[in-house]
Amino acid sequence: MSNESVFRQAILNGAFTYTARPDPMPGDLRISWGMAILVLALFFSRAKKSNFQKLQFLAHSVRIPEGREEVRGLLSGQYRPADVSVRVEPSLNRAVALAHALKVVKIDKGISISLTEQGVKLGEAILKERDVLNEEKQFLGEVAPRMTDALMKRVWRLEDLL
C-alpha cells in the first residue's frame, strides 16, 4: 500500500464534523440594506414615486463614495451624463420584489414604483435611526428629489456621446 493510499484511507475513514457558520457579506448585498436604500430613494423622490431607471441609478451610485461624488458632480454640472457610471443592480430587483410582497411598495404597470402608507412609515423609521445609513440618507435626501426623468434618459441613453 503506497503512502498516498494510507493518507487517502485516513481521510475517507476519519470522523468529520461540520458546523455551519454565516458567511460575511458586504452590506450592499444584504437584502435589508437593499430594501432600506429602495425605501429611502422612494421616500425622497417626488410624490414618493420613481421609475426603475432612476432607482437603478441611485442604487448603484449610493454604494461607494466615488459613485456619490459622480452624481453630485452630474447635478452640479461638473460632469456630463456620459461621464458617470451606470449599472443595473440585481440587488435592487430582489429588494423591489420583497418590498412588494411585504406591501411596502406598489408597482404601477411595471413602469414605476411608489411607497405605500406602510412604506412611508418604514422610511420615517429609518430616518429616525441616528446610527444607521447616515451617508446614504444624506446622499439620497440631497440628490433623489433633483433627479428628473429627462436627466435619467440622458444618462441611460448616453445621448451626449453623439
N, C-alpha and C. Protein backbone atom coordinates (compact mmCIF):
# COMPACT_ATOMS: atom_id res chain seq x y z
N MET A 1 0.84 -1.17 0.00
CA MET A 1 0.00 0.00 0.00
C MET A 1 0.89 1.24 0.00
N SER A 2 0.67 2.17 -0.93
CA SER A 2 1.50 3.37 -1.00
C SER A 2 1.10 4.36 0.08
N ASN A 3 1.96 5.35 0.30
CA ASN A 3 1.67 6.38 1.30
C ASN A 3 0.41 7.16 0.94
N GLU A 4 0.20 7.36 -0.39
CA GLU A 4 -0.97 8.10 -0.83
C GLU A 4 -2.25 7.37 -0.42
N SER A 5 -2.28 6.08 -0.58
CA SER A 5 -3.49 5.36 -0.24
C SER A 5 -3.70 5.29 1.27
N VAL A 6 -2.62 5.28 2.06
CA VAL A 6 -2.76 5.32 3.52
C VAL A 6 -3.37 6.65 3.94
N PHE A 7 -2.86 7.71 3.34
CA PHE A 7 -3.38 9.05 3.64
C PHE A 7 -4.84 9.16 3.20
N ARG A 8 -5.11 8.66 2.00
CA ARG A 8 -6.47 8.72 1.47
C ARG A 8 -7.43 7.94 2.35
N GLN A 9 -7.02 6.78 2.81
CA GLN A 9 -7.87 5.98 3.68
C GLN A 9 -8.11 6.69 5.01
N ALA A 10 -7.08 7.36 5.52
CA ALA A 10 -7.25 8.11 6.78
C ALA A 10 -8.26 9.23 6.62
N ILE A 11 -8.20 9.90 5.47
CA ILE A 11 -9.16 10.98 5.20
C ILE A 11 -10.56 10.42 5.03
N LEU A 12 -10.70 9.42 4.21
CA LEU A 12 -12.02 8.89 3.90
C LEU A 12 -12.67 8.20 5.10
N ASN A 13 -11.89 7.64 5.97
CA ASN A 13 -12.44 6.92 7.11
C ASN A 13 -12.46 7.76 8.39
N GLY A 14 -11.93 8.96 8.33
CA GLY A 14 -11.87 9.80 9.52
C GLY A 14 -13.23 10.39 9.86
N ALA A 15 -13.36 10.78 11.11
CA ALA A 15 -14.60 11.41 11.57
C ALA A 15 -14.50 12.92 11.34
N PHE A 16 -15.47 13.46 10.63
CA PHE A 16 -15.51 14.89 10.36
C PHE A 16 -16.79 15.45 10.94
N THR A 17 -16.69 16.66 11.41
CA THR A 17 -17.88 17.39 11.84
C THR A 17 -17.91 18.70 11.07
N TYR A 18 -19.08 19.17 10.80
CA TYR A 18 -19.26 20.41 10.08
C TYR A 18 -20.19 21.30 10.88
N THR A 19 -19.75 22.50 11.11
CA THR A 19 -20.58 23.49 11.80
C THR A 19 -20.85 24.62 10.83
N ALA A 20 -22.10 24.82 10.48
CA ALA A 20 -22.45 25.90 9.55
C ALA A 20 -22.24 27.24 10.25
N ARG A 21 -21.57 28.12 9.57
CA ARG A 21 -21.34 29.46 10.09
C ARG A 21 -21.76 30.46 9.01
N PRO A 22 -22.26 31.59 9.43
CA PRO A 22 -22.67 32.58 8.41
C PRO A 22 -21.45 33.11 7.68
N ASP A 23 -21.61 33.30 6.38
CA ASP A 23 -20.54 33.89 5.59
C ASP A 23 -20.64 35.40 5.70
N PRO A 24 -19.50 36.07 5.84
CA PRO A 24 -19.55 37.54 5.85
C PRO A 24 -20.04 38.02 4.49
N MET A 25 -20.89 39.01 4.51
CA MET A 25 -21.46 39.51 3.28
C MET A 25 -21.38 41.04 3.30
N PRO A 26 -20.92 41.65 2.21
CA PRO A 26 -20.89 43.11 2.17
C PRO A 26 -22.29 43.67 2.38
N GLY A 27 -22.34 44.82 3.01
CA GLY A 27 -23.64 45.43 3.32
C GLY A 27 -24.52 45.65 2.12
N ASP A 28 -23.93 46.02 0.98
CA ASP A 28 -24.75 46.32 -0.18
C ASP A 28 -25.36 45.08 -0.82
N LEU A 29 -24.96 43.89 -0.38
CA LEU A 29 -25.58 42.67 -0.88
C LEU A 29 -26.62 42.12 0.08
N ARG A 30 -26.75 42.72 1.23
CA ARG A 30 -27.76 42.27 2.20
C ARG A 30 -29.12 42.80 1.80
N ILE A 31 -30.10 41.95 1.88
CA ILE A 31 -31.45 42.35 1.47
C ILE A 31 -31.98 43.49 2.33
N SER A 32 -31.62 43.52 3.60
CA SER A 32 -32.08 44.61 4.46
C SER A 32 -31.51 45.94 4.01
N TRP A 33 -30.26 45.94 3.56
CA TRP A 33 -29.64 47.17 3.04
C TRP A 33 -30.35 47.59 1.75
N GLY A 34 -30.57 46.64 0.86
CA GLY A 34 -31.23 46.95 -0.40
C GLY A 34 -32.63 47.49 -0.22
N MET A 35 -33.38 46.91 0.72
CA MET A 35 -34.74 47.41 0.98
C MET A 35 -34.68 48.81 1.57
N ALA A 36 -33.73 49.05 2.47
CA ALA A 36 -33.62 50.37 3.07
C ALA A 36 -33.28 51.42 2.01
N ILE A 37 -32.37 51.09 1.10
CA ILE A 37 -32.00 52.03 0.03
C ILE A 37 -33.20 52.28 -0.88
N LEU A 38 -33.92 51.24 -1.23
CA LEU A 38 -35.13 51.40 -2.04
C LEU A 38 -36.13 52.32 -1.37
N VAL A 39 -36.42 52.05 -0.11
CA VAL A 39 -37.40 52.86 0.62
C VAL A 39 -36.94 54.31 0.73
N LEU A 40 -35.66 54.52 1.05
CA LEU A 40 -35.16 55.90 1.17
C LEU A 40 -35.18 56.62 -0.18
N ALA A 41 -34.79 55.94 -1.25
CA ALA A 41 -34.79 56.57 -2.57
C ALA A 41 -36.21 57.00 -2.95
N LEU A 42 -37.17 56.14 -2.67
CA LEU A 42 -38.56 56.50 -2.95
C LEU A 42 -39.07 57.58 -2.01
N PHE A 43 -38.69 57.49 -0.74
CA PHE A 43 -39.13 58.46 0.25
C PHE A 43 -38.73 59.88 -0.14
N PHE A 44 -37.51 60.03 -0.67
CA PHE A 44 -37.01 61.35 -1.03
C PHE A 44 -37.39 61.77 -2.44
N SER A 45 -37.93 60.87 -3.24
CA SER A 45 -38.33 61.21 -4.60
C SER A 45 -39.65 61.97 -4.60
N ARG A 46 -39.87 62.70 -5.69
CA ARG A 46 -41.12 63.46 -5.81
C ARG A 46 -42.32 62.52 -5.75
N ALA A 47 -43.29 62.88 -4.96
CA ALA A 47 -44.52 62.11 -4.79
C ALA A 47 -44.26 60.69 -4.27
N LYS A 48 -43.06 60.47 -3.67
CA LYS A 48 -42.69 59.15 -3.13
C LYS A 48 -42.82 58.07 -4.19
N LYS A 49 -42.43 58.43 -5.44
CA LYS A 49 -42.61 57.56 -6.59
C LYS A 49 -41.42 57.74 -7.53
N SER A 50 -41.05 56.66 -8.23
CA SER A 50 -39.93 56.74 -9.16
C SER A 50 -40.05 55.66 -10.22
N ASN A 51 -39.30 55.85 -11.31
CA ASN A 51 -39.22 54.79 -12.32
C ASN A 51 -38.01 53.91 -12.02
N PHE A 52 -37.94 52.77 -12.69
CA PHE A 52 -36.86 51.81 -12.44
C PHE A 52 -35.49 52.38 -12.80
N GLN A 53 -35.42 53.18 -13.86
CA GLN A 53 -34.13 53.74 -14.27
C GLN A 53 -33.51 54.58 -13.15
N LYS A 54 -34.30 55.44 -12.58
CA LYS A 54 -33.80 56.30 -11.52
C LYS A 54 -33.39 55.47 -10.30
N LEU A 55 -34.21 54.50 -9.94
CA LEU A 55 -33.89 53.67 -8.78
C LEU A 55 -32.61 52.85 -9.02
N GLN A 56 -32.46 52.32 -10.22
CA GLN A 56 -31.24 51.57 -10.54
C GLN A 56 -30.02 52.49 -10.47
N PHE A 57 -30.14 53.68 -11.00
CA PHE A 57 -29.04 54.64 -10.98
C PHE A 57 -28.67 55.01 -9.55
N LEU A 58 -29.65 55.29 -8.73
CA LEU A 58 -29.39 55.67 -7.34
C LEU A 58 -28.83 54.49 -6.54
N ALA A 59 -29.36 53.29 -6.77
CA ALA A 59 -28.89 52.11 -6.04
C ALA A 59 -27.43 51.83 -6.36
N HIS A 60 -27.03 52.05 -7.61
CA HIS A 60 -25.63 51.84 -7.98
C HIS A 60 -24.74 52.95 -7.41
N SER A 61 -25.16 54.18 -7.53
CA SER A 61 -24.30 55.30 -7.13
C SER A 61 -24.17 55.45 -5.62
N VAL A 62 -25.14 55.02 -4.85
CA VAL A 62 -25.10 55.19 -3.40
C VAL A 62 -24.10 54.24 -2.74
N ARG A 63 -23.72 53.18 -3.43
CA ARG A 63 -22.89 52.12 -2.84
C ARG A 63 -21.51 52.58 -2.38
N ILE A 64 -20.85 53.43 -3.18
CA ILE A 64 -19.47 53.81 -2.86
C ILE A 64 -19.31 55.33 -2.94
N PRO A 65 -18.34 55.87 -2.21
CA PRO A 65 -18.14 57.33 -2.22
C PRO A 65 -17.92 57.91 -3.62
N GLU A 66 -17.20 57.20 -4.47
CA GLU A 66 -16.94 57.70 -5.82
C GLU A 66 -18.24 57.84 -6.61
N GLY A 67 -19.13 56.90 -6.46
CA GLY A 67 -20.42 56.95 -7.13
C GLY A 67 -21.25 58.13 -6.66
N ARG A 68 -21.21 58.37 -5.36
CA ARG A 68 -21.96 59.50 -4.81
C ARG A 68 -21.40 60.82 -5.33
N GLU A 69 -20.09 60.91 -5.42
CA GLU A 69 -19.47 62.14 -5.92
C GLU A 69 -19.75 62.35 -7.40
N GLU A 70 -19.79 61.27 -8.19
CA GLU A 70 -20.14 61.39 -9.61
C GLU A 70 -21.53 62.00 -9.77
N VAL A 71 -22.48 61.54 -8.98
CA VAL A 71 -23.85 62.04 -9.10
C VAL A 71 -23.92 63.50 -8.66
N ARG A 72 -23.23 63.82 -7.59
CA ARG A 72 -23.20 65.22 -7.16
C ARG A 72 -22.58 66.10 -8.26
N GLY A 73 -21.52 65.59 -8.89
CA GLY A 73 -20.89 66.32 -9.99
C GLY A 73 -21.81 66.45 -11.19
N LEU A 74 -22.58 65.43 -11.48
CA LEU A 74 -23.55 65.47 -12.57
C LEU A 74 -24.59 66.56 -12.30
N LEU A 75 -25.11 66.58 -11.09
CA LEU A 75 -26.15 67.56 -10.76
C LEU A 75 -25.61 68.99 -10.69
N SER A 76 -24.33 69.14 -10.39
CA SER A 76 -23.75 70.49 -10.31
C SER A 76 -23.23 70.97 -11.66
N GLY A 77 -23.22 70.09 -12.67
CA GLY A 77 -22.72 70.46 -13.99
C GLY A 77 -21.25 70.17 -14.20
N GLN A 78 -20.59 69.62 -13.19
CA GLN A 78 -19.18 69.29 -13.29
C GLN A 78 -18.96 68.11 -14.25
N TYR A 79 -19.91 67.16 -14.29
CA TYR A 79 -19.83 66.00 -15.17
C TYR A 79 -20.99 66.01 -16.15
N ARG A 80 -20.73 65.45 -17.33
CA ARG A 80 -21.79 65.23 -18.31
C ARG A 80 -22.41 63.87 -18.02
N PRO A 81 -23.61 63.61 -18.51
CA PRO A 81 -24.23 62.29 -18.29
C PRO A 81 -23.36 61.13 -18.75
N ALA A 82 -22.60 61.31 -19.81
CA ALA A 82 -21.75 60.23 -20.32
C ALA A 82 -20.55 59.98 -19.41
N ASP A 83 -20.27 60.89 -18.47
CA ASP A 83 -19.10 60.76 -17.59
C ASP A 83 -19.38 59.92 -16.34
N VAL A 84 -20.63 59.63 -16.06
CA VAL A 84 -20.95 58.90 -14.83
C VAL A 84 -21.18 57.43 -15.15
N SER A 85 -20.86 56.58 -14.19
CA SER A 85 -21.05 55.15 -14.41
C SER A 85 -22.51 54.77 -14.18
N VAL A 86 -22.97 53.85 -15.00
CA VAL A 86 -24.35 53.38 -14.93
C VAL A 86 -24.30 51.86 -14.89
N ARG A 87 -25.07 51.29 -13.98
CA ARG A 87 -25.08 49.84 -13.85
C ARG A 87 -26.43 49.39 -13.30
N VAL A 88 -26.86 48.25 -13.72
CA VAL A 88 -28.08 47.66 -13.17
C VAL A 88 -27.68 46.89 -11.93
N GLU A 89 -28.34 47.15 -10.84
CA GLU A 89 -28.06 46.49 -9.57
C GLU A 89 -29.05 45.34 -9.35
N PRO A 90 -28.61 44.10 -9.46
CA PRO A 90 -29.52 42.97 -9.23
C PRO A 90 -30.13 42.99 -7.83
N SER A 91 -29.41 43.52 -6.88
CA SER A 91 -29.94 43.57 -5.51
C SER A 91 -31.18 44.44 -5.42
N LEU A 92 -31.27 45.45 -6.28
CA LEU A 92 -32.46 46.31 -6.27
C LEU A 92 -33.69 45.52 -6.73
N ASN A 93 -33.52 44.70 -7.74
CA ASN A 93 -34.65 43.90 -8.21
C ASN A 93 -35.17 42.97 -7.11
N ARG A 94 -34.25 42.37 -6.37
CA ARG A 94 -34.66 41.50 -5.25
C ARG A 94 -35.36 42.33 -4.16
N ALA A 95 -34.83 43.52 -3.89
CA ALA A 95 -35.42 44.38 -2.87
C ALA A 95 -36.83 44.82 -3.28
N VAL A 96 -37.00 45.15 -4.55
CA VAL A 96 -38.33 45.55 -5.04
C VAL A 96 -39.31 44.39 -4.89
N ALA A 97 -38.88 43.19 -5.27
CA ALA A 97 -39.76 42.03 -5.16
C ALA A 97 -40.17 41.77 -3.71
N LEU A 98 -39.22 41.84 -2.80
CA LEU A 98 -39.54 41.61 -1.39
C LEU A 98 -40.40 42.74 -0.84
N ALA A 99 -40.05 43.98 -1.17
CA ALA A 99 -40.83 45.12 -0.68
C ALA A 99 -42.27 45.06 -1.20
N HIS A 100 -42.43 44.62 -2.43
CA HIS A 100 -43.78 44.48 -2.99
C HIS A 100 -44.55 43.38 -2.26
N ALA A 101 -43.88 42.27 -1.99
CA ALA A 101 -44.53 41.16 -1.27
C ALA A 101 -44.93 41.58 0.14
N LEU A 102 -44.13 42.45 0.76
CA LEU A 102 -44.41 42.93 2.11
C LEU A 102 -45.35 44.13 2.11
N LYS A 103 -45.80 44.54 0.93
CA LYS A 103 -46.72 45.67 0.76
C LYS A 103 -46.12 47.00 1.22
N VAL A 104 -44.81 47.12 1.02
CA VAL A 104 -44.09 48.37 1.33
C VAL A 104 -44.11 49.28 0.11
N VAL A 105 -44.13 48.67 -1.09
CA VAL A 105 -44.19 49.44 -2.32
C VAL A 105 -45.32 48.91 -3.20
N LYS A 106 -45.71 49.75 -4.14
CA LYS A 106 -46.70 49.38 -5.14
C LYS A 106 -46.04 49.56 -6.50
N ILE A 107 -46.19 48.59 -7.37
CA ILE A 107 -45.63 48.67 -8.72
C ILE A 107 -46.76 49.04 -9.67
N ASP A 108 -46.57 50.14 -10.37
CA ASP A 108 -47.60 50.66 -11.27
C ASP A 108 -47.29 50.29 -12.71
N LYS A 109 -48.03 49.34 -13.26
CA LYS A 109 -47.94 48.91 -14.65
C LYS A 109 -46.51 48.49 -15.04
N GLY A 110 -45.72 48.05 -14.08
CA GLY A 110 -44.36 47.62 -14.37
C GLY A 110 -43.42 48.75 -14.75
N ILE A 111 -43.86 49.98 -14.61
CA ILE A 111 -43.08 51.14 -15.04
C ILE A 111 -42.53 51.93 -13.86
N SER A 112 -43.36 52.13 -12.87
CA SER A 112 -42.92 52.93 -11.73
C SER A 112 -43.24 52.22 -10.42
N ILE A 113 -42.55 52.67 -9.41
CA ILE A 113 -42.71 52.11 -8.07
C ILE A 113 -43.01 53.26 -7.13
N SER A 114 -43.94 53.05 -6.22
CA SER A 114 -44.26 54.07 -5.24
C SER A 114 -44.38 53.44 -3.86
N LEU A 115 -44.15 54.26 -2.87
CA LEU A 115 -44.28 53.80 -1.49
C LEU A 115 -45.74 53.71 -1.10
N THR A 116 -46.08 52.68 -0.38
CA THR A 116 -47.41 52.58 0.22
C THR A 116 -47.37 53.35 1.54
N GLU A 117 -48.49 53.42 2.20
CA GLU A 117 -48.53 54.07 3.51
C GLU A 117 -47.57 53.37 4.48
N GLN A 118 -47.54 52.05 4.41
CA GLN A 118 -46.62 51.27 5.25
C GLN A 118 -45.16 51.59 4.87
N GLY A 119 -44.90 51.79 3.59
CA GLY A 119 -43.55 52.15 3.13
C GLY A 119 -43.11 53.51 3.63
N VAL A 120 -44.05 54.45 3.66
CA VAL A 120 -43.74 55.79 4.18
C VAL A 120 -43.38 55.69 5.66
N LYS A 121 -44.14 54.90 6.41
CA LYS A 121 -43.83 54.72 7.84
C LYS A 121 -42.46 54.08 8.02
N LEU A 122 -42.13 53.11 7.16
CA LEU A 122 -40.81 52.47 7.23
C LEU A 122 -39.72 53.49 6.93
N GLY A 123 -39.92 54.33 5.92
CA GLY A 123 -38.96 55.38 5.60
C GLY A 123 -38.74 56.33 6.77
N GLU A 124 -39.82 56.73 7.41
CA GLU A 124 -39.71 57.61 8.57
C GLU A 124 -38.95 56.94 9.71
N ALA A 125 -39.19 55.66 9.90
CA ALA A 125 -38.48 54.92 10.96
C ALA A 125 -36.99 54.83 10.65
N ILE A 126 -36.63 54.60 9.39
CA ILE A 126 -35.21 54.53 9.02
C ILE A 126 -34.56 55.89 9.25
N LEU A 127 -35.25 56.95 8.91
CA LEU A 127 -34.69 58.30 9.08
C LEU A 127 -34.48 58.65 10.55
N LYS A 128 -35.32 58.12 11.42
CA LYS A 128 -35.19 58.41 12.86
C LYS A 128 -33.97 57.74 13.49
N GLU A 129 -33.52 56.64 12.91
CA GLU A 129 -32.35 55.94 13.44
C GLU A 129 -31.11 56.79 13.21
N ARG A 130 -30.43 57.17 14.26
CA ARG A 130 -29.29 58.08 14.16
C ARG A 130 -28.00 57.41 13.69
N ASP A 131 -27.82 56.16 14.00
CA ASP A 131 -26.55 55.49 13.71
C ASP A 131 -26.65 54.52 12.53
N VAL A 132 -27.62 54.70 11.68
CA VAL A 132 -27.84 53.75 10.59
C VAL A 132 -27.89 54.51 9.25
N LEU A 133 -27.10 54.07 8.30
CA LEU A 133 -27.15 54.58 6.92
C LEU A 133 -27.04 56.10 6.82
N ASN A 134 -26.20 56.70 7.62
CA ASN A 134 -26.11 58.16 7.63
C ASN A 134 -25.66 58.75 6.29
N GLU A 135 -24.62 58.18 5.69
CA GLU A 135 -24.16 58.69 4.39
C GLU A 135 -25.21 58.48 3.31
N GLU A 136 -25.85 57.33 3.35
CA GLU A 136 -26.87 57.02 2.36
C GLU A 136 -28.08 57.94 2.50
N LYS A 137 -28.50 58.20 3.74
CA LYS A 137 -29.63 59.10 3.97
C LYS A 137 -29.31 60.51 3.48
N GLN A 138 -28.11 60.98 3.78
CA GLN A 138 -27.72 62.32 3.36
C GLN A 138 -27.68 62.42 1.83
N PHE A 139 -27.04 61.43 1.20
CA PHE A 139 -26.91 61.44 -0.25
C PHE A 139 -28.28 61.38 -0.93
N LEU A 140 -29.10 60.42 -0.55
CA LEU A 140 -30.40 60.26 -1.19
C LEU A 140 -31.31 61.46 -0.93
N GLY A 141 -31.24 62.02 0.26
CA GLY A 141 -32.03 63.21 0.56
C GLY A 141 -31.60 64.41 -0.28
N GLU A 142 -30.33 64.45 -0.60
CA GLU A 142 -29.78 65.55 -1.39
C GLU A 142 -30.08 65.39 -2.88
N VAL A 143 -29.91 64.19 -3.43
CA VAL A 143 -29.97 64.04 -4.89
C VAL A 143 -31.28 63.47 -5.43
N ALA A 144 -31.96 62.60 -4.70
CA ALA A 144 -33.17 61.96 -5.23
C ALA A 144 -34.22 62.96 -5.69
N PRO A 145 -34.49 64.04 -4.95
CA PRO A 145 -35.51 64.97 -5.43
C PRO A 145 -35.09 65.72 -6.70
N ARG A 146 -33.82 65.77 -6.97
CA ARG A 146 -33.30 66.54 -8.12
C ARG A 146 -33.11 65.71 -9.38
N MET A 147 -33.28 64.40 -9.28
CA MET A 147 -33.10 63.52 -10.43
C MET A 147 -34.40 63.52 -11.25
N THR A 148 -34.33 64.10 -12.43
CA THR A 148 -35.51 64.19 -13.28
C THR A 148 -35.53 63.06 -14.30
N ASP A 149 -36.69 62.81 -14.86
CA ASP A 149 -36.81 61.79 -15.91
C ASP A 149 -35.97 62.17 -17.12
N ALA A 150 -35.94 63.45 -17.46
CA ALA A 150 -35.15 63.90 -18.61
C ALA A 150 -33.67 63.63 -18.39
N LEU A 151 -33.18 63.89 -17.20
CA LEU A 151 -31.77 63.63 -16.89
C LEU A 151 -31.49 62.13 -16.93
N MET A 152 -32.40 61.33 -16.41
CA MET A 152 -32.20 59.89 -16.42
C MET A 152 -32.16 59.34 -17.85
N LYS A 153 -32.98 59.90 -18.74
CA LYS A 153 -32.94 59.47 -20.14
C LYS A 153 -31.58 59.78 -20.75
N ARG A 154 -31.04 60.95 -20.43
CA ARG A 154 -29.72 61.32 -20.97
C ARG A 154 -28.62 60.42 -20.41
N VAL A 155 -28.72 60.05 -19.14
CA VAL A 155 -27.71 59.19 -18.53
C VAL A 155 -27.77 57.79 -19.13
N TRP A 156 -28.95 57.21 -19.20
CA TRP A 156 -29.10 55.83 -19.64
C TRP A 156 -28.93 55.68 -21.15
N ARG A 157 -29.32 56.67 -21.91
CA ARG A 157 -29.22 56.56 -23.37
C ARG A 157 -27.89 57.08 -23.90
N LEU A 158 -27.13 57.74 -23.09
CA LEU A 158 -25.82 58.29 -23.48
C LEU A 158 -25.92 59.18 -24.71
N GLU A 159 -26.95 60.03 -24.73
CA GLU A 159 -27.15 60.92 -25.87
C GLU A 159 -26.01 61.92 -26.05
N ASP A 160 -25.29 62.22 -24.99
CA ASP A 160 -24.19 63.19 -25.08
C ASP A 160 -23.01 62.65 -25.88
N LEU A 161 -22.97 61.33 -26.12
CA LEU A 161 -21.86 60.77 -26.88
C LEU A 161 -22.01 61.06 -28.39
N LEU A 162 -23.21 61.34 -28.83
CA LEU A 162 -23.47 61.55 -30.27
C LEU A 162 -23.19 62.97 -30.69
